[in-house]
């Protein structure tokens, strides 16, 4: 019989010997929130929680009822523990301060409560994304500046995928590890240890409906991924798989190898993907799995945020595939020889 390892045991066994347990318990808090959200998600079609909530979030998107529920659950499970100094949610305009009656801790939690929530009503996989930083200044902890840190300063990041099973995938800078929720035990059990992006890759993920809005360099890159671009290096000739739920697309590529891209467009030069809530934590995981996340011009993890809801173009997956995207974009931007 194989060894059964719960997420609590795995985190405990892998924490530094001098650790106080504050960070370990924060991961437990997130795992508990994931269980609660998973339970509600699995019953969404049987309870009055499908459909729109009747409000629009800071992103200009219609909130779904499960968006509101998941956002509230994560905040209420983490606001009173004494482990966090501030939070930020993709659903909220401003930072989420710790209520004054509770003690502030040393960590920062940034989260997208339900990525891909437009797919809820049609029963397509959705997910929660989270990022954890340390506060910058203990004496003045809990400010906006604590949230506006580059991905290089991440302490941990991860996501929860609510699909045919519920999986929690995370990294603390020592590899990427996946845990599957056993619905009978109510525990996340280690199922994927030391996950790495496979080579050769198999898939690319992009919404082709926006092809006409992409720059020539990006269009050429996508044709190269398909194996139909003649003026380019040898192509991997990948198959396309696009779900429209970023967590689900990223997770499949993490297991099978590939690249996800959401390029800038003429009408969206800054891109669409949220830097803090989506791009940075997933790029952190990608690098830990041997891959890479890029704006198309450089590492996502090096971008210093200037706003809570800053957006960015994103190319993420196997390193060679992402670096080839950078090469096509750089060639497009290079000056033409002989031009005056």
Protein backbone atom coordinates (compact mmCIF):
# COMPACT_ATOMS: atom_id res chain seq x y z
CA UNK A 1 0.00 0.00 0.00
CA UNK A 2 1.42 3.37 -0.99
CA UNK A 3 2.05 5.98 1.67
CA UNK A 4 -0.83 8.41 2.23
CA UNK A 5 0.39 11.98 2.68
CA UNK A 6 -2.03 14.77 3.54
CA UNK A 7 -1.26 18.35 2.58
CA UNK A 8 -0.89 19.19 6.27
CA UNK A 9 1.70 16.45 6.72
CA UNK A 10 3.56 17.42 3.56
CA UNK A 11 3.74 21.10 4.49
CA UNK A 12 4.81 20.27 8.04
CA UNK A 13 7.53 17.86 6.90
CA UNK A 14 8.91 20.39 4.45
CA UNK A 15 8.91 23.52 6.61
CA UNK A 16 12.31 24.74 7.89
CA UNK A 17 13.22 23.39 11.31
CA UNK A 18 13.31 26.95 12.73
CA UNK A 19 9.88 27.91 11.35
CA UNK A 20 7.27 29.25 13.79
CA UNK A 21 4.39 27.65 11.90
CA UNK A 22 2.69 30.91 10.90
CA UNK A 23 3.25 30.32 7.19
CA UNK A 24 2.38 26.64 7.46
CA UNK A 25 -0.93 27.51 9.10
CA UNK A 26 -1.65 30.07 6.38
CA UNK A 27 -1.43 27.30 3.79
CA UNK A 28 -3.83 25.26 5.93
CA UNK A 29 -6.24 28.23 5.92
CA UNK A 30 -6.15 28.34 2.12
CA UNK A 31 -6.68 24.59 1.89
CA UNK A 32 -9.71 24.88 4.16
CA UNK A 33 -11.14 27.68 2.02
CA UNK A 34 -10.64 25.47 -1.04
CA UNK A 35 -12.60 22.64 0.59
CA UNK A 36 -15.50 24.96 1.42
CA UNK A 37 -15.57 26.43 -2.10
CA UNK A 38 -15.27 22.97 -3.67
CA UNK A 39 -18.24 21.75 -1.64
CA UNK A 40 -20.37 24.70 -2.74
CA UNK A 41 -19.19 24.39 -6.36
CA UNK A 42 -20.09 20.71 -6.50
CA UNK A 43 -23.62 21.55 -5.35
CA UNK A 44 -24.01 24.67 -7.48
CA UNK A 45 -26.61 23.09 -9.76
CA UNK A 46 -28.68 21.92 -6.77
CA UNK A 47 -28.74 25.16 -4.79
CA UNK A 48 -29.55 28.75 -5.63
CA UNK A 49 -25.98 29.76 -6.39
CA UNK A 50 -25.77 29.57 -10.17
CA UNK A 51 -26.18 32.68 -12.30
CA UNK A 52 -25.30 36.34 -11.96
CA UNK A 53 -25.12 38.19 -8.67
CA UNK A 54 -26.50 41.38 -10.22
CA UNK A 55 -23.34 43.43 -9.69
CA UNK A 56 -20.24 44.40 -11.68
CA UNK A 57 -16.75 44.04 -10.19
CA UNK A 58 -13.78 46.38 -10.50
CA UNK A 59 -12.73 44.58 -13.71
CA UNK A 60 -15.99 45.62 -15.39
CA UNK A 61 -17.19 42.01 -15.35
CA UNK A 62 -20.56 40.77 -14.20
CA UNK A 63 -20.13 38.98 -10.89
CA UNK A 64 -21.43 35.47 -10.56
CA UNK A 65 -22.99 34.32 -7.30
CA UNK A 66 -20.14 31.88 -6.75
CA UNK A 67 -17.64 34.74 -7.29
CA UNK A 68 -19.15 36.61 -4.38
CA UNK A 69 -19.37 33.50 -2.22
CA UNK A 70 -15.76 32.41 -2.83
CA UNK A 71 -14.44 35.93 -2.26
CA UNK A 72 -16.26 36.16 1.06
CA UNK A 73 -15.18 32.69 2.22
CA UNK A 74 -11.47 33.33 1.64
CA UNK A 75 -11.58 36.68 3.41
CA UNK A 76 -13.56 35.42 6.42
CA UNK A 77 -11.33 32.38 6.89
CA UNK A 78 -8.16 34.49 6.84
CA UNK A 79 -9.02 37.89 8.36
CA UNK A 80 -8.83 36.90 12.04
CA UNK A 81 -5.93 34.45 12.21
CA UNK A 82 -3.13 36.90 12.99
CA UNK A 83 -1.14 35.57 10.05
CA UNK A 84 -1.90 38.28 7.48
CA UNK A 85 -1.31 42.02 7.47
CA UNK A 86 -3.40 42.74 4.36
CA UNK A 87 -5.22 41.01 1.52
CA UNK A 88 -6.21 41.93 -2.04
CA UNK A 89 -8.91 40.29 -4.13
CA UNK A 90 -9.48 40.42 -7.86
CA UNK A 91 -13.13 41.12 -7.04
CA UNK A 92 -12.48 44.17 -4.83
CA UNK A 93 -11.37 47.64 -5.88
CA UNK A 94 -9.11 48.38 -2.91
CA UNK A 95 -6.91 46.42 -0.54
CA UNK A 96 -8.69 44.37 2.12
CA UNK A 97 -7.50 45.57 5.50
CA UNK A 98 -7.46 43.30 8.52
CA UNK A 99 -10.34 44.31 10.84
CA UNK A 100 -8.99 46.44 13.72
CA UNK A 101 -10.14 43.97 16.39
CA UNK A 102 -7.75 41.34 15.03
CA UNK A 103 -3.96 41.16 15.21
CA UNK A 104 -1.93 41.71 12.05
CA UNK A 105 0.62 39.15 10.92
CA UNK A 106 3.60 39.26 8.59
CA UNK A 107 2.17 37.88 5.33
CA UNK A 108 0.24 39.29 2.38
CA UNK A 109 -2.41 37.24 0.56
CA UNK A 110 -3.47 38.16 -2.97
CA UNK A 111 -6.12 36.04 -4.64
CA UNK A 112 -8.51 35.54 -7.51
CA UNK A 113 -11.40 33.77 -5.77
CA UNK A 114 -12.82 32.16 -8.92
CA UNK A 115 -10.93 32.32 -12.19
CA UNK A 116 -13.03 31.43 -15.23
CA UNK A 117 -16.26 32.15 -13.40
CA UNK A 118 -18.10 32.91 -16.64
CA UNK A 119 -17.97 29.12 -17.16
CA UNK A 120 -19.78 28.29 -13.91
CA UNK A 121 -23.24 27.97 -15.39
CA UNK A 122 -22.07 25.55 -18.10
CA UNK A 123 -20.16 23.30 -15.67
CA UNK A 124 -16.67 23.96 -17.06
CA UNK A 125 -13.64 23.77 -14.75
CA UNK A 126 -12.89 26.89 -12.71
CA UNK A 127 -10.26 27.71 -10.12
CA UNK A 128 -8.87 29.82 -7.30
CA UNK A 129 -5.43 31.42 -7.66
CA UNK A 130 -3.40 32.71 -4.70
CA UNK A 131 -0.10 34.47 -4.08
CA UNK A 132 1.69 35.01 -0.76
CA UNK A 133 4.27 37.70 0.01
CA UNK A 134 5.94 38.96 3.18
CA UNK A 135 5.13 42.46 4.40
CA UNK A 136 7.75 45.04 3.46
CA UNK A 137 7.92 46.97 6.73
CA UNK A 138 6.80 45.37 9.98
CA UNK A 139 6.18 48.71 11.70
CA UNK A 140 3.94 49.92 8.86
CA UNK A 141 2.55 46.63 7.62
CA UNK A 142 -0.81 46.37 5.92
CA UNK A 143 -0.43 49.06 3.26
CA UNK A 144 -0.99 49.08 -0.50
CA UNK A 145 2.78 48.88 -1.00
CA UNK A 146 2.79 45.43 0.57
CA UNK A 147 0.60 44.22 -2.30
CA UNK A 148 2.54 45.91 -5.09
CA UNK A 149 5.54 43.58 -5.05
CA UNK A 150 7.10 41.88 -8.08
CA UNK A 151 6.69 38.15 -8.50
CA UNK A 152 10.36 37.59 -7.66
CA UNK A 153 9.46 38.34 -4.05
CA UNK A 154 6.77 35.69 -3.82
CA UNK A 155 7.01 33.37 -0.83
CA UNK A 156 4.47 30.94 -2.27
CA UNK A 157 1.84 30.68 -4.97
CA UNK A 158 -0.70 28.18 -6.13
CA UNK A 159 -4.13 27.42 -7.44
CA UNK A 160 -7.10 25.19 -6.78
CA UNK A 161 -8.81 23.55 -9.75
CA UNK A 162 -12.47 22.62 -9.35
CA UNK A 163 -13.13 20.04 -12.06
CA UNK A 164 -13.79 16.31 -12.28
CA UNK A 165 -11.80 16.29 -9.05
CA UNK A 166 -10.54 19.14 -6.89
CA UNK A 167 -6.78 19.70 -6.96
CA UNK A 168 -4.61 22.12 -5.01
CA UNK A 169 -1.25 22.84 -6.65
CA UNK A 170 1.33 25.04 -4.93
CA UNK A 171 4.99 25.91 -4.59
CA UNK A 172 7.05 27.54 -1.87
CA UNK A 173 10.11 27.80 -4.11
CA UNK A 174 11.07 24.13 -3.80
CA UNK A 175 9.25 22.50 -6.68
CA UNK A 176 5.58 22.27 -7.57
CA UNK A 177 3.36 19.79 -5.76
CA UNK A 178 -0.24 18.75 -6.38
CA UNK A 179 -2.85 17.42 -3.96
CA UNK A 180 -6.20 15.87 -4.85
CA UNK A 181 -9.18 16.25 -2.53
CA UNK A 182 -10.56 12.92 -1.35
CA UNK A 183 -14.28 13.68 -0.97
CA UNK A 184 -14.83 10.84 1.51
CA UNK A 185 -11.95 11.76 3.82
CA UNK A 186 -12.29 15.50 3.27
CA UNK A 187 -8.51 15.73 2.93
CA UNK A 188 -6.12 16.91 0.23
CA UNK A 189 -3.79 13.97 -0.47
CA UNK A 190 -0.44 14.18 -2.26
CA UNK A 191 -1.00 12.94 -5.82
CA UNK A 192 1.57 14.81 -7.94
CA UNK A 193 4.97 15.41 -6.34
CA UNK A 194 7.62 17.57 -8.01
CA UNK A 195 5.58 18.43 -11.09
CA UNK A 196 7.55 19.58 -14.15
CA UNK A 197 6.48 20.66 -17.61
CA UNK A 198 6.98 17.66 -19.94
CA UNK A 199 9.11 17.74 -23.06
CA UNK A 200 8.23 17.52 -25.86
CA UNK A 201 5.19 19.75 -25.33
CA UNK A 202 1.86 18.79 -26.87
CA UNK A 203 -0.55 21.73 -26.76
CA UNK A 204 -0.95 25.45 -27.22
CA UNK A 205 -3.85 27.41 -25.73
CA UNK A 206 -5.16 30.64 -27.22
CA UNK A 207 -8.46 32.20 -28.27
CA UNK A 208 -8.19 32.28 -32.06
CA UNK A 209 -11.20 34.60 -32.31
CA UNK A 210 -8.80 37.50 -31.60
CA UNK A 211 -6.26 36.55 -34.28
CA UNK A 212 -7.02 39.61 -36.41
CA UNK A 213 -6.30 41.89 -33.43
CA UNK A 214 -2.80 40.53 -32.76
CA UNK A 215 0.42 42.08 -33.99
CA UNK A 216 2.13 40.44 -37.00
CA UNK A 217 4.80 38.98 -34.70
CA UNK A 218 2.23 37.20 -32.54
CA UNK A 219 0.32 35.99 -35.61
CA UNK A 220 3.54 34.56 -37.00
CA UNK A 221 4.26 32.89 -33.66
CA UNK A 222 0.86 31.17 -33.60
CA UNK A 223 1.36 29.93 -37.16
CA UNK A 224 4.74 28.60 -36.04
CA UNK A 225 3.09 26.75 -33.15
CA UNK A 226 0.72 25.17 -35.68
CA UNK A 227 3.58 24.19 -37.99
CA UNK A 228 2.37 26.33 -40.92
CA UNK A 229 4.87 29.23 -40.78
CA UNK A 230 7.48 28.69 -43.52
CA UNK A 231 9.85 31.53 -42.59
CA UNK A 232 10.75 30.29 -39.11
CA UNK A 233 12.77 27.73 -37.12
CA UNK A 234 11.55 24.11 -37.02
CA UNK A 235 8.09 23.99 -35.49
CA UNK A 236 6.78 21.72 -32.72
CA UNK A 237 3.44 21.52 -34.63
CA UNK A 238 1.32 21.51 -31.50
CA UNK A 239 -2.38 20.71 -31.17
CA UNK A 240 -4.69 23.44 -29.93
CA UNK A 241 -6.60 23.06 -26.67
CA UNK A 242 -8.42 26.08 -25.24
CA UNK A 243 -10.95 25.88 -22.42
CA UNK A 244 -11.38 29.57 -21.64
CA UNK A 245 -10.63 29.03 -17.96
CA UNK A 246 -7.01 30.02 -17.43
CA UNK A 247 -6.42 27.76 -14.44
CA UNK A 248 -7.73 24.76 -16.38
CA UNK A 249 -5.66 25.58 -19.47
CA UNK A 250 -2.52 26.13 -17.38
CA UNK A 251 -3.09 22.91 -15.42
CA UNK A 252 -3.46 20.79 -18.57
CA UNK A 253 -0.28 22.28 -20.03
CA UNK A 254 1.54 21.70 -16.75
CA UNK A 255 0.68 18.01 -17.00
CA UNK A 256 1.04 17.57 -20.76
CA UNK A 257 3.44 20.32 -21.83
CA UNK A 258 2.58 23.39 -23.85
CA UNK A 259 2.05 27.13 -23.83
CA UNK A 260 -0.86 29.42 -22.91
CA UNK A 261 -0.96 32.88 -24.44
CA UNK A 262 -3.16 35.93 -24.11
CA UNK A 263 -1.34 38.57 -26.17
CA UNK A 264 -1.86 42.31 -26.26
CA UNK A 265 -4.36 43.56 -28.82
CA UNK A 266 -4.80 46.84 -30.65
CA UNK A 267 -7.64 47.81 -28.31
CA UNK A 268 -5.94 46.27 -25.26
CA UNK A 269 -2.25 47.20 -25.55
CA UNK A 270 -1.70 46.36 -21.88
CA UNK A 271 -3.25 42.92 -22.31
CA UNK A 272 -6.12 41.41 -20.33
CA UNK A 273 -4.59 39.08 -17.73
CA UNK A 274 -4.30 40.52 -14.22
CA UNK A 275 -0.64 40.77 -13.20
CA UNK A 276 -1.04 40.29 -9.45
CA UNK A 277 -3.91 37.84 -9.35
CA UNK A 278 -3.13 35.59 -12.33
CA UNK A 279 0.09 36.22 -14.25
CA UNK A 280 2.59 36.50 -11.38
CA UNK A 281 1.48 33.48 -9.30
CA UNK A 282 1.14 31.20 -12.33
CA UNK A 283 4.50 32.38 -13.72
CA UNK A 284 6.06 31.56 -10.36
CA UNK A 285 4.66 28.04 -10.63
CA UNK A 286 5.79 27.77 -14.25
CA UNK A 287 9.39 28.66 -13.36
CA UNK A 288 9.35 26.22 -10.45
CA UNK A 289 8.20 23.55 -12.92
CA UNK A 290 11.02 24.34 -15.35
CA UNK A 291 8.99 26.70 -17.53
CA UNK A 292 8.67 30.43 -17.99
CA UNK A 293 6.13 33.25 -17.93
CA UNK A 294 6.69 36.34 -20.08
CA UNK A 295 5.02 39.57 -21.15
CA UNK A 296 6.36 38.81 -24.62
CA UNK A 297 9.29 41.12 -23.93
CA UNK A 298 10.63 39.82 -20.63
CA UNK A 299 9.90 37.87 -17.43
CA UNK A 300 6.55 38.43 -15.75
CA UNK A 301 8.22 37.95 -12.38
CA UNK A 302 10.43 41.02 -12.95
CA UNK A 303 7.50 43.38 -13.55
CA UNK A 304 7.03 45.79 -10.64
CA UNK A 305 3.28 46.45 -10.22
CA UNK A 306 2.08 50.04 -10.05
CA UNK A 307 -1.62 49.30 -9.49
CA UNK A 308 -3.68 46.56 -7.83
CA UNK A 309 -5.55 45.65 -10.99
CA UNK A 310 -2.74 46.14 -13.50
CA UNK A 311 -3.02 44.01 -16.63
CA UNK A 312 -0.38 42.40 -18.80
CA UNK A 313 0.07 40.31 -21.94
CA UNK A 314 1.01 36.76 -21.00
CA UNK A 315 2.90 33.88 -22.61
CA UNK A 316 3.40 30.99 -20.18
CA UNK A 317 4.46 27.37 -20.38
CA UNK A 318 7.49 25.41 -21.61
CA UNK A 319 10.47 27.73 -21.61
CA UNK A 320 11.55 27.10 -25.21
CA UNK A 321 8.05 27.87 -26.50
CA UNK A 322 7.80 31.12 -24.54
CA UNK A 323 11.30 32.24 -25.53
CA UNK A 324 10.36 31.67 -29.17
CA UNK A 325 7.39 34.01 -28.67
CA UNK A 326 9.80 36.65 -27.36
CA UNK A 327 11.99 36.12 -30.42
CA UNK A 328 9.10 36.65 -32.87
CA UNK A 329 7.97 39.78 -31.03
CA UNK A 330 11.52 41.16 -30.82
CA UNK A 331 12.03 40.57 -34.56
CA UNK A 332 8.82 42.45 -35.28
CA UNK A 333 10.01 45.42 -33.22
CA UNK A 334 13.55 45.46 -34.64
CA UNK A 335 14.36 48.31 -37.05
CA UNK A 336 14.44 47.37 -40.72
CA UNK A 337 17.93 47.47 -42.22
CA UNK A 338 18.42 50.40 -44.53
CA UNK A 339 15.42 52.28 -43.14
CA UNK A 340 15.94 55.99 -42.62
